[in-house]
Amino acid sequence: MFNISMIKSLTMKFTILIIDDEKEMCVSLSEILTANGFESRFTTDPLKAFSIIKSNPIDLIILDIKMPALKGIDLLKSLKAH
């Protein structure tokens, strides 16, 4: 079974970007990640993800698939292309 402490013990300081249209979800995930030693950033606007990624090194993205402005799968394809 996956345990967040397994990753924490194997890594340095990972930076994780959370992209979700629900701010409460972003805040909750960010608090959990920070409490476990990770750096976290979040945005509720999927279009801002590009500028965040360009200005900050990101190791992992947690991405909501169903968002009103831009579907997560489309954002993932765009991020992958860049």
Protein backbone atom coordinates (compact mmCIF):
# COMPACT_ATOMS: atom_id res chain seq x y z
CA MET A 1 0.00 0.00 0.00
CA PHE A 2 1.18 3.50 -0.83
CA ASN A 3 2.30 5.63 2.09
CA ILE A 4 3.33 9.28 1.74
CA SER A 5 6.14 8.76 4.27
CA MET A 6 7.73 6.23 1.88
CA ILE A 7 8.26 8.97 -0.70
CA LYS A 8 9.32 11.50 1.93
CA SER A 9 12.08 9.24 3.20
CA LEU A 10 13.45 8.68 -0.32
CA THR A 11 13.52 12.25 -1.51
CA MET A 12 14.87 15.69 -0.96
CA LYS A 13 12.35 18.52 -1.04
CA PHE A 14 9.85 17.91 -3.85
CA THR A 15 7.74 20.77 -5.18
CA ILE A 16 4.20 19.77 -6.07
CA LEU A 17 1.76 21.85 -8.09
CA ILE A 18 -1.95 21.32 -7.43
CA ILE A 19 -4.36 22.37 -10.17
CA ASP A 20 -8.04 22.18 -9.22
CA ASP A 21 -10.98 24.50 -9.75
CA GLU A 22 -12.08 23.92 -6.13
CA LYS A 23 -10.03 26.14 -3.83
CA GLU A 24 -10.91 24.08 -0.74
CA MET A 25 -9.41 20.99 -2.38
CA CYS A 26 -6.23 22.91 -3.26
CA VAL A 27 -5.85 24.25 0.27
CA SER A 28 -6.49 20.87 1.89
CA LEU A 29 -4.01 19.04 -0.33
CA SER A 30 -1.45 21.81 0.10
CA GLU A 31 -1.72 21.62 3.89
CA ILE A 32 -1.29 17.83 3.87
CA LEU A 33 1.71 18.00 1.56
CA THR A 34 3.36 20.82 3.52
CA ALA A 35 2.83 18.97 6.80
CA ASN A 36 4.67 16.02 5.25
CA GLY A 37 7.69 18.06 4.20
CA PHE A 38 6.83 18.90 0.60
CA GLU A 39 6.80 22.30 -1.04
CA SER A 40 3.43 22.97 -2.64
CA ARG A 41 1.87 25.54 -4.88
CA PHE A 42 -1.65 25.61 -6.21
CA THR A 43 -3.89 27.36 -8.66
CA THR A 44 -7.60 27.22 -9.34
CA ASP A 45 -7.02 28.59 -12.83
CA PRO A 46 -5.61 25.92 -15.14
CA LEU A 47 -4.39 28.59 -17.57
CA LYS A 48 -2.04 29.95 -14.87
CA ALA A 49 -0.32 26.58 -14.64
CA PHE A 50 1.97 27.44 -17.55
CA SER A 51 3.34 30.58 -15.90
CA ILE A 52 3.76 28.81 -12.56
CA ILE A 53 5.71 25.99 -14.18
CA LYS A 54 7.91 28.42 -16.13
CA SER A 55 8.82 30.40 -13.01
CA ASN A 56 9.17 27.51 -10.54
CA PRO A 57 10.73 24.08 -10.86
CA ILE A 58 7.89 21.58 -10.36
CA ASP A 59 8.54 17.91 -9.62
CA LEU A 60 4.97 16.64 -9.63
CA ILE A 61 1.54 17.91 -10.68
CA ILE A 62 -1.73 16.87 -9.06
CA LEU A 63 -4.35 17.69 -11.65
CA ASP A 64 -8.14 17.68 -11.51
CA ILE A 65 -9.52 16.12 -14.68
CA LYS A 66 -12.97 17.77 -14.60
CA MET A 67 -12.63 21.56 -14.56
CA PRO A 68 -14.96 24.05 -16.24
CA ALA A 69 -12.43 26.39 -17.88
CA LEU A 70 -10.14 23.75 -19.35
CA LYS A 71 -10.45 19.99 -19.02
CA GLY A 72 -7.57 18.45 -17.11
CA ILE A 73 -6.73 16.00 -19.87
CA ASP A 74 -6.44 18.87 -22.36
CA LEU A 75 -4.20 20.78 -19.96
CA LEU A 76 -2.06 17.68 -19.50
CA LYS A 77 -1.64 17.34 -23.26
CA SER A 78 -0.66 21.02 -23.54
CA LEU A 79 1.82 20.77 -20.68
CA LYS A 80 3.34 17.66 -22.20
CA ALA A 81 3.74 19.42 -25.57
CA HIS A 82 5.68 22.27 -23.97
